[in-house]
Protein backbone atom coordinates (compact mmCIF):
# COMPACT_ATOMS: atom_id res chain seq x y z
CA MET A 1 79.90 92.49 115.51
CA LEU A 2 76.25 93.27 114.36
CA GLU A 3 76.94 97.04 114.96
CA HIS A 4 79.54 96.82 112.49
CA HIS A 5 77.09 96.00 109.62
CA ARG A 6 75.59 99.38 110.07
CA MET A 7 79.14 101.16 109.51
CA PHE A 8 80.69 99.96 106.19
CA SER A 9 81.96 101.32 102.96
CA ALA A 10 81.96 99.60 99.67
CA HIS A 11 84.57 100.03 96.72
CA GLN A 12 84.03 98.76 93.42
CA SER A 13 86.53 98.72 90.99
CA VAL A 14 85.88 99.69 87.56
CA ARG A 15 87.98 96.82 86.12
CA GLY A 16 85.60 94.65 87.32
CA THR A 17 87.54 93.64 90.66
CA PRO A 18 85.08 91.90 93.16
CA LEU A 19 83.18 94.30 95.34
CA VAL A 20 84.93 94.77 98.29
CA ILE A 21 82.89 96.18 101.84
CA GLN A 22 84.52 97.09 105.02
CA LEU A 23 82.63 95.74 108.08
CA SER A 24 85.01 97.48 110.66
CA PRO A 25 88.44 98.77 110.67
CA ASN A 26 89.48 94.75 110.28
CA ALA A 27 87.09 93.01 108.53
CA TYR A 28 85.87 92.95 105.11
CA PHE A 29 83.87 90.98 102.58
CA LEU A 30 85.51 90.23 99.17
CA GLY A 31 82.74 88.83 97.03
CA ASN A 32 80.46 86.95 99.45
CA GLU A 33 83.74 85.89 101.64
CA HIS A 34 84.33 87.26 104.79
CA VAL A 35 88.01 87.67 105.35
CA SER A 36 89.81 89.55 108.81
CA THR A 37 92.27 91.41 108.18
CA ASP A 38 93.53 91.50 111.37
CA TYR A 39 97.17 90.70 111.63
CA SER A 40 96.75 88.04 113.88
CA ALA A 41 94.79 86.25 111.33
CA LEU A 42 98.67 85.80 109.95
CA ASN A 43 98.78 82.56 111.69
CA ALA A 44 95.04 81.69 109.74
CA PRO A 45 95.99 78.63 106.99
CA SER A 46 97.28 79.80 103.93
CA VAL A 47 94.16 80.15 101.97
CA ILE A 48 92.66 82.56 103.96
CA ARG A 49 95.90 84.30 104.32
CA SER A 50 96.19 84.85 100.48
CA LYS A 51 92.37 86.06 100.26
CA MET A 52 93.44 88.49 103.28
CA LEU A 53 96.78 89.66 101.46
CA ASN A 54 94.50 90.40 98.35
CA ILE A 55 92.05 92.16 99.71
CA LEU A 56 95.07 94.14 101.34
CA ALA A 57 96.52 94.93 97.77
CA PHE A 58 92.87 95.48 96.50
CA LEU A 59 92.36 98.28 99.10
CA GLN A 60 95.82 99.59 98.42
CA ARG A 61 95.15 100.30 94.93
CA GLN A 62 91.90 101.90 95.75
CA HIS A 63 93.53 104.04 98.17
CA PRO A 64 97.54 104.75 97.16
CA THR A 65 99.58 106.31 100.00
């Protein structure tokens, strides 16, 4: 996991959305909270799942398809 810390990208919204740092293809920090967006995490408790979905929504706004 430590090698992922060297390869990261950061996204900052001009509307004041918390800083999102991508640690690896499926792991992010949102503010000061680390959340994995691995789909196996859908079995996680609802609070973690909610945070994960918030991050996915934020990233979709930053990079519309």
